[in-house]
Amino acid sequence: MKYKKISPIDFSHSNIISVFKPNGELVSQEEGAIDVDNVVKIVNETIKKS
């Protein structure tokens, strides 16, 4: 995660969630506003295929 201190109490940061197969192959990557339901769906599908 990248971050930048804006003020003593405020930070700006990146938001990336990556899903990988057990062999390390990238399956999906969500950045910014994360669609959690979609990530969960992709994780479940990846598990079923493994």
N, C-alpha and C. Protein backbone atom coordinates (compact mmCIF):
# COMPACT_ATOMS: atom_id res chain seq x y z
N MET A 1 0.84 -1.16 0.00
CA MET A 1 0.00 0.00 0.00
C MET A 1 0.90 1.23 0.00
N LYS A 2 0.60 2.16 -0.88
CA LYS A 2 1.30 3.44 -0.90
C LYS A 2 0.49 4.43 -0.08
N TYR A 3 1.17 5.30 0.62
CA TYR A 3 0.45 6.31 1.39
C TYR A 3 1.23 7.61 1.43
N LYS A 4 0.51 8.69 1.71
CA LYS A 4 1.11 10.02 1.80
C LYS A 4 0.47 10.74 2.98
N LYS A 5 1.30 11.28 3.84
CA LYS A 5 0.80 12.04 4.98
C LYS A 5 0.38 13.42 4.48
N ILE A 6 -0.89 13.76 4.71
CA ILE A 6 -1.42 15.04 4.28
C ILE A 6 -1.36 16.05 5.42
N SER A 7 -1.67 15.61 6.61
CA SER A 7 -1.59 16.45 7.81
C SER A 7 -1.28 15.51 8.98
N PRO A 8 -1.11 16.05 10.18
CA PRO A 8 -0.79 15.17 11.32
C PRO A 8 -1.80 14.04 11.56
N ILE A 9 -3.05 14.21 11.09
CA ILE A 9 -4.05 13.16 11.32
C ILE A 9 -4.69 12.62 10.04
N ASP A 10 -4.28 13.12 8.87
CA ASP A 10 -4.87 12.68 7.60
C ASP A 10 -3.83 12.05 6.70
N PHE A 11 -4.22 10.93 6.06
CA PHE A 11 -3.36 10.24 5.11
C PHE A 11 -4.16 9.95 3.85
N SER A 12 -3.47 9.95 2.73
CA SER A 12 -4.03 9.50 1.46
C SER A 12 -3.36 8.17 1.16
N HIS A 13 -4.12 7.16 0.71
CA HIS A 13 -3.52 5.86 0.45
C HIS A 13 -4.15 5.17 -0.75
N SER A 14 -3.40 4.25 -1.32
CA SER A 14 -3.91 3.43 -2.41
C SER A 14 -4.72 2.28 -1.84
N ASN A 15 -5.52 1.67 -2.69
CA ASN A 15 -6.34 0.56 -2.26
C ASN A 15 -6.40 -0.47 -3.39
N ILE A 16 -5.68 -1.55 -3.25
CA ILE A 16 -5.64 -2.60 -4.27
C ILE A 16 -5.83 -3.95 -3.59
N ILE A 17 -6.73 -4.76 -4.13
CA ILE A 17 -6.90 -6.13 -3.65
C ILE A 17 -6.63 -7.05 -4.84
N SER A 18 -5.71 -7.99 -4.63
CA SER A 18 -5.34 -8.94 -5.67
C SER A 18 -5.74 -10.34 -5.24
N VAL A 19 -6.21 -11.14 -6.20
CA VAL A 19 -6.56 -12.54 -5.96
C VAL A 19 -5.62 -13.39 -6.82
N PHE A 20 -4.97 -14.37 -6.18
CA PHE A 20 -4.03 -15.24 -6.87
C PHE A 20 -4.45 -16.69 -6.76
N LYS A 21 -4.10 -17.47 -7.77
CA LYS A 21 -4.24 -18.92 -7.70
C LYS A 21 -3.16 -19.45 -6.76
N PRO A 22 -3.31 -20.68 -6.26
CA PRO A 22 -2.28 -21.24 -5.37
C PRO A 22 -0.87 -21.26 -5.99
N ASN A 23 -0.79 -21.32 -7.32
CA ASN A 23 0.52 -21.34 -7.99
C ASN A 23 1.10 -19.95 -8.18
N GLY A 24 0.40 -18.91 -7.71
CA GLY A 24 0.90 -17.54 -7.79
C GLY A 24 0.40 -16.75 -8.98
N GLU A 25 -0.38 -17.37 -9.85
CA GLU A 25 -0.91 -16.67 -11.02
C GLU A 25 -1.98 -15.66 -10.59
N LEU A 26 -1.88 -14.44 -11.09
CA LEU A 26 -2.85 -13.40 -10.79
C LEU A 26 -4.17 -13.71 -11.48
N VAL A 27 -5.25 -13.73 -10.71
CA VAL A 27 -6.59 -13.99 -11.25
C VAL A 27 -7.34 -12.69 -11.46
N SER A 28 -7.25 -11.79 -10.48
CA SER A 28 -8.03 -10.56 -10.53
C SER A 28 -7.35 -9.50 -9.67
N GLN A 29 -7.59 -8.25 -10.05
CA GLN A 29 -7.09 -7.15 -9.24
C GLN A 29 -8.11 -6.02 -9.27
N GLU A 30 -8.52 -5.58 -8.09
CA GLU A 30 -9.47 -4.48 -7.94
C GLU A 30 -8.71 -3.30 -7.34
N GLU A 31 -8.95 -2.12 -7.88
CA GLU A 31 -8.26 -0.94 -7.41
C GLU A 31 -9.26 0.20 -7.20
N GLY A 32 -9.01 1.00 -6.19
CA GLY A 32 -9.88 2.14 -5.91
C GLY A 32 -11.08 1.71 -5.08
N ALA A 33 -12.27 2.05 -5.57
CA ALA A 33 -13.50 1.65 -4.88
C ALA A 33 -13.72 0.17 -5.13
N ILE A 34 -13.51 -0.65 -4.12
CA ILE A 34 -13.54 -2.11 -4.25
C ILE A 34 -14.97 -2.63 -4.22
N ASP A 35 -15.30 -3.47 -5.21
CA ASP A 35 -16.59 -4.17 -5.23
C ASP A 35 -16.38 -5.47 -4.45
N VAL A 36 -16.66 -5.41 -3.16
CA VAL A 36 -16.39 -6.55 -2.27
C VAL A 36 -17.12 -7.80 -2.71
N ASP A 37 -18.37 -7.67 -3.12
CA ASP A 37 -19.14 -8.84 -3.56
C ASP A 37 -18.47 -9.51 -4.75
N ASN A 38 -17.94 -8.73 -5.67
CA ASN A 38 -17.25 -9.30 -6.82
C ASN A 38 -15.96 -9.99 -6.41
N VAL A 39 -15.22 -9.41 -5.50
CA VAL A 39 -13.99 -10.04 -5.01
C VAL A 39 -14.31 -11.38 -4.34
N VAL A 40 -15.34 -11.41 -3.52
CA VAL A 40 -15.74 -12.65 -2.86
C VAL A 40 -16.12 -13.70 -3.89
N LYS A 41 -16.85 -13.30 -4.93
CA LYS A 41 -17.26 -14.22 -6.00
C LYS A 41 -16.03 -14.80 -6.70
N ILE A 42 -15.06 -13.95 -7.01
CA ILE A 42 -13.85 -14.39 -7.70
C ILE A 42 -13.04 -15.33 -6.80
N VAL A 43 -12.92 -15.01 -5.52
CA VAL A 43 -12.20 -15.88 -4.60
C VAL A 43 -12.87 -17.25 -4.52
N ASN A 44 -14.19 -17.27 -4.38
CA ASN A 44 -14.91 -18.55 -4.31
C ASN A 44 -14.75 -19.37 -5.59
N GLU A 45 -14.82 -18.70 -6.76
CA GLU A 45 -14.63 -19.40 -8.03
C GLU A 45 -13.22 -19.96 -8.15
N THR A 46 -12.24 -19.18 -7.69
CA THR A 46 -10.84 -19.62 -7.74
C THR A 46 -10.62 -20.82 -6.85
N ILE A 47 -11.23 -20.83 -5.67
CA ILE A 47 -11.10 -21.96 -4.75
C ILE A 47 -11.70 -23.21 -5.36
N LYS A 48 -12.87 -23.07 -5.98
CA LYS A 48 -13.55 -24.23 -6.58
C LYS A 48 -12.71 -24.85 -7.71
N LYS A 49 -12.00 -24.00 -8.45
CA LYS A 49 -11.19 -24.49 -9.59
C LYS A 49 -9.87 -25.09 -9.15
N SER A 50 -9.47 -24.85 -7.92
CA SER A 50 -8.15 -25.31 -7.44
C SER A 50 -8.19 -26.76 -7.02
